[in-house]
Amino acid sequence: MKPAEFLRERGLSFYQRFISLKGPAAGIAMGFSLGVFIAFSPLLGFHTFLLVVLTPVLRANFTASLLVSWICNPFTIPFILFADLKTGQFLLGYEMAEFPWGETLTLEKLLEFFWSLMYPMLIGSILIGGMAAVAVYWPVKMYVVRSRAKNGAEAVGVPEGEGEGS
C-alpha cells in the first residue's frame, strides 16, 4: 500500500469513528481537546492512564480523547518532544545539562540529566498542548452540532434533544 493511500485510509477511518461518537457535543469537543493536550505530554506510556483519570473529571468523551491522543505516535513523537523541549527551554531560559560522558555514572547524575530534559518538556507541553486544546474546542463543538443538525441526531446515535444545545 502506498503512503498516500495509507494516510487517506487512516484519515477516513478516523473521520468515520469521530462522526459516529455518541454523547453531547460539549463532551465530544472536551474529549477532543483533552486528547490534543495529552498528545503533547512527554509522559509517554501514561497517556491512556491520564485520559482515564481526567475524562470523568472534565466530563469529556473518552473515545474522542483516546482517538485524538493517538496524534502522538512513533512517527510524530520525535517532533512533539523536540517542540516541547525547545519551547520549555525558551520559557525557562536554560539549556539541558550535559550528559556525563566519561564520568562515573551515578543515579544522582542520571536523574539530574533526566530532569534537565523532562522539566522543560513538561513546561513546553503545557503551553503547546494547552494552546492547541483551546484552539480546537470551539471548532470541534460547532462541527459536531452542525453535522448532527445536517444529518439528524438519530443518525449519529444521539438521543433526541441532546444534539443541539449540549
Protein backbone atom coordinates (compact mmCIF):
# COMPACT_ATOMS: atom_id res chain seq x y z
CA MET A 1 0.00 0.00 0.00
CA LYS A 2 1.36 3.40 -0.96
CA PRO A 3 1.86 6.01 1.81
CA ALA A 4 -0.76 8.33 0.32
CA GLU A 5 -3.35 5.53 0.23
CA PHE A 6 -2.47 4.51 3.78
CA LEU A 7 -2.88 8.08 5.07
CA ARG A 8 -6.15 8.51 3.18
CA GLU A 9 -7.49 5.23 4.59
CA ARG A 10 -6.44 6.13 8.15
CA GLY A 11 -7.95 9.62 7.81
CA LEU A 12 -11.23 8.19 6.55
CA SER A 13 -11.27 5.64 9.38
CA PHE A 14 -10.69 8.40 11.94
CA TYR A 15 -13.45 10.53 10.38
CA GLN A 16 -15.93 7.62 10.44
CA ARG A 17 -15.16 6.91 14.10
CA PHE A 18 -15.36 10.57 15.01
CA ILE A 19 -18.75 11.26 13.40
CA SER A 20 -20.24 8.13 15.00
CA LEU A 21 -19.41 9.20 18.57
CA LYS A 22 -22.31 9.33 20.99
CA GLY A 23 -22.89 11.96 23.63
CA PRO A 24 -23.30 15.70 23.93
CA ALA A 25 -21.34 17.95 21.57
CA ALA A 26 -19.61 19.67 24.50
CA GLY A 27 -18.37 16.33 25.84
CA ILE A 28 -17.03 15.29 22.46
CA ALA A 29 -15.32 18.66 21.99
CA MET A 30 -13.86 18.45 25.51
CA GLY A 31 -12.65 14.92 24.79
CA PHE A 32 -11.07 16.09 21.55
CA SER A 33 -9.35 18.97 23.36
CA LEU A 34 -8.17 16.73 26.17
CA GLY A 35 -6.76 14.24 23.67
CA VAL A 36 -4.84 17.03 21.94
CA PHE A 37 -3.49 18.28 25.27
CA ILE A 38 -2.41 14.79 26.38
CA ALA A 39 -0.83 14.03 22.99
CA PHE A 40 1.70 16.80 23.65
CA SER A 41 2.61 15.39 27.06
CA PRO A 42 6.12 13.94 27.35
CA LEU A 43 4.78 11.36 29.80
CA LEU A 44 4.88 8.59 27.22
CA GLY A 45 3.27 5.42 28.47
CA PHE A 46 0.90 7.34 30.73
CA HIS A 47 -1.34 8.96 28.11
CA THR A 48 -4.17 6.43 28.45
CA PHE A 49 -3.94 6.48 32.24
CA LEU A 50 -4.17 10.29 32.21
CA LEU A 51 -7.22 10.08 29.92
CA VAL A 52 -8.92 7.52 32.19
CA VAL A 53 -8.39 9.82 35.17
CA LEU A 54 -9.21 13.16 33.50
CA THR A 55 -12.17 12.36 31.22
CA PRO A 56 -14.68 11.87 34.06
CA VAL A 57 -13.37 14.93 35.90
CA LEU A 58 -13.76 17.13 32.81
CA ARG A 59 -16.96 15.38 31.64
CA ALA A 60 -15.19 14.62 28.38
CA ASN A 61 -15.91 11.87 25.88
CA PHE A 62 -13.30 9.15 26.49
CA THR A 63 -13.44 7.72 22.98
CA ALA A 64 -12.86 11.14 21.41
CA SER A 65 -9.94 11.83 23.72
CA LEU A 66 -8.38 8.43 23.02
CA LEU A 67 -8.76 8.76 19.25
CA VAL A 68 -7.14 12.18 19.22
CA SER A 69 -4.36 11.32 21.67
CA TRP A 70 -3.05 8.93 19.03
CA ILE A 71 -1.65 12.01 17.29
CA CYS A 72 1.32 11.10 19.45
CA ASN A 73 2.62 8.01 17.67
CA PRO A 74 6.05 6.66 16.69
CA PHE A 75 6.13 8.95 13.64
CA THR A 76 5.28 12.15 15.50
CA ILE A 77 6.88 11.57 18.92
CA PRO A 78 10.31 12.99 17.98
CA PHE A 79 8.77 16.20 16.61
CA ILE A 80 6.39 16.63 19.54
CA LEU A 81 9.08 16.05 22.17
CA PHE A 82 11.55 18.32 20.36
CA ALA A 83 8.95 21.11 20.21
CA ASP A 84 8.10 20.58 23.88
CA LEU A 85 11.78 20.67 24.87
CA LYS A 86 12.71 23.75 22.86
CA THR A 87 9.60 25.66 23.96
CA GLY A 88 10.24 24.79 27.60
CA GLN A 89 13.91 25.73 27.35
CA PHE A 90 12.96 29.06 25.79
CA LEU A 91 10.39 29.79 28.50
CA LEU A 92 12.71 28.76 31.33
CA GLY A 93 15.80 30.35 29.81
CA TYR A 94 18.20 27.47 30.18
CA GLU A 95 19.71 24.59 28.29
CA MET A 96 19.76 20.98 29.36
CA ALA A 97 22.65 19.59 31.36
CA GLU A 98 25.46 17.83 29.55
CA PHE A 99 25.34 14.07 29.66
CA PRO A 100 28.19 12.93 31.96
CA TRP A 101 30.25 11.15 29.28
CA GLY A 102 33.44 9.63 30.60
CA GLU A 103 32.45 10.15 34.22
CA THR A 104 31.38 7.51 36.66
CA LEU A 105 27.64 7.35 36.28
CA THR A 106 25.70 7.72 39.47
CA LEU A 107 21.98 7.75 39.98
CA GLU A 108 22.23 11.40 41.01
CA LYS A 109 23.94 12.40 37.73
CA LEU A 110 21.46 10.43 35.63
CA LEU A 111 18.50 11.95 37.46
CA GLU A 112 19.94 15.44 37.04
CA PHE A 113 20.34 14.87 33.31
CA PHE A 114 16.87 13.32 33.02
CA TRP A 115 15.24 16.20 34.93
CA SER A 116 17.09 18.76 32.77
CA LEU A 117 15.23 17.21 29.83
CA MET A 118 11.90 16.39 31.44
CA TYR A 119 11.20 19.67 33.23
CA PRO A 120 11.43 21.86 30.08
CA MET A 121 9.43 19.25 28.14
CA LEU A 122 6.65 19.35 30.74
CA ILE A 123 6.56 23.16 30.71
CA GLY A 124 6.64 23.25 26.90
CA SER A 125 3.92 20.62 26.62
CA ILE A 126 1.64 22.56 28.94
CA LEU A 127 1.96 25.65 26.74
CA ILE A 128 1.78 23.94 23.34
CA GLY A 129 -0.84 21.37 24.36
CA GLY A 130 -2.90 23.97 26.19
CA MET A 131 -2.94 26.37 23.25
CA ALA A 132 -3.79 23.55 20.83
CA ALA A 133 -6.55 22.24 23.11
CA VAL A 134 -8.14 25.67 23.45
CA ALA A 135 -7.83 26.25 19.70
CA VAL A 136 -9.71 23.06 18.76
CA TYR A 137 -12.55 23.08 21.33
CA TRP A 138 -15.00 25.50 19.67
CA PRO A 139 -14.41 24.41 16.05
CA VAL A 140 -14.96 20.77 17.05
CA LYS A 141 -18.07 21.59 19.07
CA MET A 142 -19.53 23.63 16.21
CA TYR A 143 -18.67 20.87 13.74
CA VAL A 144 -20.43 18.23 15.86
CA VAL A 145 -23.51 20.44 16.31
CA ARG A 146 -23.70 21.28 12.60
CA SER A 147 -23.10 17.74 11.39
CA ARG A 148 -25.79 16.44 13.74
CA ALA A 149 -28.22 19.12 12.62
CA LYS A 150 -27.46 18.32 8.99
CA ASN A 151 -27.63 14.54 9.35
CA GLY A 152 -30.21 14.35 12.12
CA ALA A 153 -29.22 13.50 15.69
CA GLU A 154 -30.50 9.92 15.42
CA ALA A 155 -28.15 9.21 12.51
CA VAL A 156 -25.13 9.54 14.79
CA GLY A 157 -26.62 7.83 17.82
CA VAL A 158 -27.59 10.82 19.94
CA PRO A 159 -30.89 10.75 21.79
CA GLU A 160 -33.35 13.38 20.65
CA GLY A 161 -32.81 16.77 22.25
CA GLU A 162 -29.14 16.26 23.12
CA GLY A 163 -27.52 17.14 19.78
CA GLU A 164 -28.01 20.89 19.57
CA GLY A 165 -27.69 22.71 22.85
CA SER A 166 -25.14 20.49 24.59
